[in-house]
Amino acid sequence: MTALITRDELKAAMDAGGVTVVDALGGEYYAKQHLPGALELVLADVEAKAPALLPDRDAAIVTYCSNPACPNSGQVADRLTALGYTNVRKYREGIQDWVEAGLPTESA
């Protein structure tokens, strides 16, 4: 199972520039609202796009989707791990928690 990261830990890592954030919702959801600097990567595209989007397999990567009920972030994290990425964590609470905490988002 993928290790989890809290909102506070994720915010600190983002502020320090030490993490790549991956939005596992994609499409219109990503276009409407995503975490600052997040890359769009859905499960169907992981094998094709991950090598170019995420060239460093040892870099810190955090996946997220909408909320704890959404399976996308876990599926993308598991696939990345299976492809040899060594430092993948999941922000289980997702963008819903981020927004409710009043933290900034971006749109495409």
C-alpha atoms as a PDB file:
ATOM      1  CA  MET A   1       0.000   0.000   0.000  1.00  0.00           C
ATOM      2  CA  THR A   2       1.168   3.499  -0.809  1.00  0.00           C
ATOM      3  CA  ALA A   3       2.390   5.629   2.097  1.00  0.00           C
ATOM      4  CA  LEU A   4       0.221   8.611   2.963  1.00  0.00           C
ATOM      5  CA  ILE A   5       1.083  12.275   3.355  1.00  0.00           C
ATOM      6  CA  THR A   6      -0.892  14.835   5.342  1.00  0.00           C
ATOM      7  CA  ARG A   7      -2.013  18.214   4.042  1.00  0.00           C
ATOM      8  CA  ASP A   8       0.488  20.001   6.276  1.00  0.00           C
ATOM      9  CA  GLU A   9       3.354  17.752   5.179  1.00  0.00           C
ATOM     10  CA  LEU A  10       2.407  18.220   1.532  1.00  0.00           C
ATOM     11  CA  LYS A  11       2.146  21.998   1.854  1.00  0.00           C
ATOM     12  CA  ALA A  12       5.579  22.138   3.514  1.00  0.00           C
ATOM     13  CA  ALA A  13       7.120  19.949   0.797  1.00  0.00           C
ATOM     14  CA  MET A  14       5.525  22.073  -1.937  1.00  0.00           C
ATOM     15  CA  ASP A  15       6.722  25.294  -0.300  1.00  0.00           C
ATOM     16  CA  ALA A  16      10.246  23.845  -0.145  1.00  0.00           C
ATOM     17  CA  GLY A  17      10.065  22.727  -3.771  1.00  0.00           C
ATOM     18  CA  GLY A  18      10.891  19.184  -2.801  1.00  0.00           C
ATOM     19  CA  VAL A  19       7.975  17.286  -4.325  1.00  0.00           C
ATOM     20  CA  THR A  20       6.247  16.653  -7.635  1.00  0.00           C
ATOM     21  CA  VAL A  21       2.468  16.706  -7.239  1.00  0.00           C
ATOM     22  CA  VAL A  22       0.356  14.547  -9.559  1.00  0.00           C
ATOM     23  CA  ASP A  23      -3.357  15.182 -10.156  1.00  0.00           C
ATOM     24  CA  ALA A  24      -4.975  11.787 -10.839  1.00  0.00           C
ATOM     25  CA  LEU A  25      -8.376  13.243 -11.771  1.00  0.00           C
ATOM     26  CA  GLY A  26      -7.358  14.744 -15.085  1.00  0.00           C
ATOM     27  CA  GLY A  27      -9.522  16.162 -17.829  1.00  0.00           C
ATOM     28  CA  GLU A  28     -12.100  18.777 -16.946  1.00  0.00           C
ATOM     29  CA  TYR A  29     -11.413  18.351 -13.231  1.00  0.00           C
ATOM     30  CA  TYR A  30      -7.764  19.242 -13.701  1.00  0.00           C
ATOM     31  CA  ALA A  31      -8.650  22.142 -16.003  1.00  0.00           C
ATOM     32  CA  LYS A  32     -11.134  23.545 -13.493  1.00  0.00           C
ATOM     33  CA  GLN A  33      -8.986  23.268 -10.384  1.00  0.00           C
ATOM     34  CA  HIS A  34      -5.763  21.593  -9.252  1.00  0.00           C
ATOM     35  CA  LEU A  35      -3.066  21.996  -6.632  1.00  0.00           C
ATOM     36  CA  PRO A  36      -0.415  24.591  -7.538  1.00  0.00           C
ATOM     37  CA  GLY A  37       2.121  23.153  -9.949  1.00  0.00           C
ATOM     38  CA  ALA A  38       0.408  19.769 -10.169  1.00  0.00           C
ATOM     39  CA  LEU A  39       0.963  17.613 -13.232  1.00  0.00           C
ATOM     40  CA  GLU A  40      -1.996  15.848 -14.835  1.00  0.00           C
ATOM     41  CA  LEU A  41      -1.582  12.068 -14.994  1.00  0.00           C
ATOM     42  CA  VAL A  42      -4.490   9.631 -15.092  1.00  0.00           C
ATOM     43  CA  LEU A  43      -4.193   5.863 -14.714  1.00  0.00           C
ATOM     44  CA  ALA A  44      -4.712   5.137 -18.427  1.00  0.00           C
ATOM     45  CA  ASP A  45      -1.733   7.359 -19.300  1.00  0.00           C
ATOM     46  CA  VAL A  46       0.765   6.371 -16.597  1.00  0.00           C
ATOM     47  CA  GLU A  47       2.845   3.939 -18.657  1.00  0.00           C
ATOM     48  CA  ALA A  48       2.953   6.194 -21.721  1.00  0.00           C
ATOM     49  CA  LYS A  49       3.493   9.564 -20.034  1.00  0.00           C
ATOM     50  CA  ALA A  50       5.274   8.905 -16.716  1.00  0.00           C
ATOM     51  CA  PRO A  51       8.798   8.522 -18.176  1.00  0.00           C
ATOM     52  CA  ALA A  52       8.637  11.998 -19.749  1.00  0.00           C
ATOM     53  CA  LEU A  53       6.649  13.724 -16.980  1.00  0.00           C
ATOM     54  CA  LEU A  54       8.540  12.070 -14.131  1.00  0.00           C
ATOM     55  CA  PRO A  55      12.041  11.213 -15.375  1.00  0.00           C
ATOM     56  CA  ASP A  56      13.588  10.809 -11.891  1.00  0.00           C
ATOM     57  CA  ARG A  57      12.287   7.551 -10.435  1.00  0.00           C
ATOM     58  CA  ASP A  58      13.717   8.434  -7.010  1.00  0.00           C
ATOM     59  CA  ALA A  59      12.099  11.889  -6.771  1.00  0.00           C
ATOM     60  CA  ALA A  60       9.401  12.587  -4.197  1.00  0.00           C
ATOM     61  CA  ILE A  61       6.000  12.234  -5.872  1.00  0.00           C
ATOM     62  CA  VAL A  62       2.588  12.787  -4.306  1.00  0.00           C
ATOM     63  CA  THR A  63      -0.638  11.737  -6.018  1.00  0.00           C
ATOM     64  CA  TYR A  64      -4.086  13.059  -5.166  1.00  0.00           C
ATOM     65  CA  CYS A  65      -7.627  13.072  -6.474  1.00  0.00           C
ATOM     66  CA  SER A  66     -10.875  14.485  -5.092  1.00  0.00           C
ATOM     67  CA  ASN A  67     -11.345  12.979  -1.607  1.00  0.00           C
ATOM     68  CA  PRO A  68     -10.833   9.741   0.375  1.00  0.00           C
ATOM     69  CA  ALA A  69     -13.617   7.998  -1.586  1.00  0.00           C
ATOM     70  CA  CYS A  70     -11.816   8.554  -4.917  1.00  0.00           C
ATOM     71  CA  PRO A  71      -9.632   5.578  -5.950  1.00  0.00           C
ATOM     72  CA  ASN A  72      -7.662   7.381  -8.691  1.00  0.00           C
ATOM     73  CA  SER A  73      -4.728   8.621  -6.605  1.00  0.00           C
ATOM     74  CA  GLY A  74      -4.087   5.192  -5.120  1.00  0.00           C
ATOM     75  CA  GLN A  75      -4.304   3.516  -8.525  1.00  0.00           C
ATOM     76  CA  VAL A  76      -1.852   5.974 -10.100  1.00  0.00           C
ATOM     77  CA  ALA A  77       0.495   5.698  -7.093  1.00  0.00           C
ATOM     78  CA  ASP A  78       0.423   1.887  -7.251  1.00  0.00           C
ATOM     79  CA  ARG A  79       1.137   1.923 -10.996  1.00  0.00           C
ATOM     80  CA  LEU A  80       4.045   4.336 -10.566  1.00  0.00           C
ATOM     81  CA  THR A  81       5.479   2.126  -7.828  1.00  0.00           C
ATOM     82  CA  ALA A  82       5.117  -0.924 -10.077  1.00  0.00           C
ATOM     83  CA  LEU A  83       7.053   0.952 -12.764  1.00  0.00           C
ATOM     84  CA  GLY A  84       9.971   1.457 -10.386  1.00  0.00           C
ATOM     85  CA  TYR A  85       9.263   4.810  -8.749  1.00  0.00           C
ATOM     86  CA  THR A  86      10.651   4.586  -5.231  1.00  0.00           C
ATOM     87  CA  ASN A  87       9.258   7.604  -3.339  1.00  0.00           C
ATOM     88  CA  VAL A  88       5.525   7.814  -4.084  1.00  0.00           C
ATOM     89  CA  ARG A  89       3.005   8.922  -1.489  1.00  0.00           C
ATOM     90  CA  LYS A  90      -0.713   9.614  -1.627  1.00  0.00           C
ATOM     91  CA  TYR A  91      -2.602  12.643  -0.319  1.00  0.00           C
ATOM     92  CA  ARG A  92      -5.718  10.657   0.549  1.00  0.00           C
ATOM     93  CA  GLU A  93      -7.878  13.622   1.566  1.00  0.00           C
ATOM     94  CA  GLY A  94      -7.448  15.179  -1.870  1.00  0.00           C
ATOM     95  CA  ILE A  95      -8.303  18.520  -3.349  1.00  0.00           C
ATOM     96  CA  GLN A  96     -11.558  18.738  -1.396  1.00  0.00           C
ATOM     97  CA  ASP A  97      -9.575  18.877   1.870  1.00  0.00           C
ATOM     98  CA  TRP A  98      -7.061  21.332   0.356  1.00  0.00           C
ATOM     99  CA  VAL A  99      -9.812  23.738  -0.726  1.00  0.00           C
ATOM    100  CA  GLU A 100     -11.708  23.424   2.569  1.00  0.00           C
ATOM    101  CA  ALA A 101      -8.493  24.440   4.361  1.00  0.00           C
ATOM    102  CA  GLY A 102      -8.464  27.634   2.281  1.00  0.00           C
ATOM    103  CA  LEU A 103      -5.270  26.782   0.402  1.00  0.00           C
ATOM    104  CA  PRO A 104      -4.673  28.069  -3.140  1.00  0.00           C
ATOM    105  CA  THR A 105      -5.412  26.186  -6.342  1.00  0.00           C
ATOM    106  CA  GLU A 106      -4.749  26.804 -10.026  1.00  0.00           C
ATOM    107  CA  SER A 107      -6.818  26.279 -13.154  1.00  0.00           C
ATOM    108  CA  ALA A 108      -5.712  25.463 -16.682  1.00  0.00           C
END
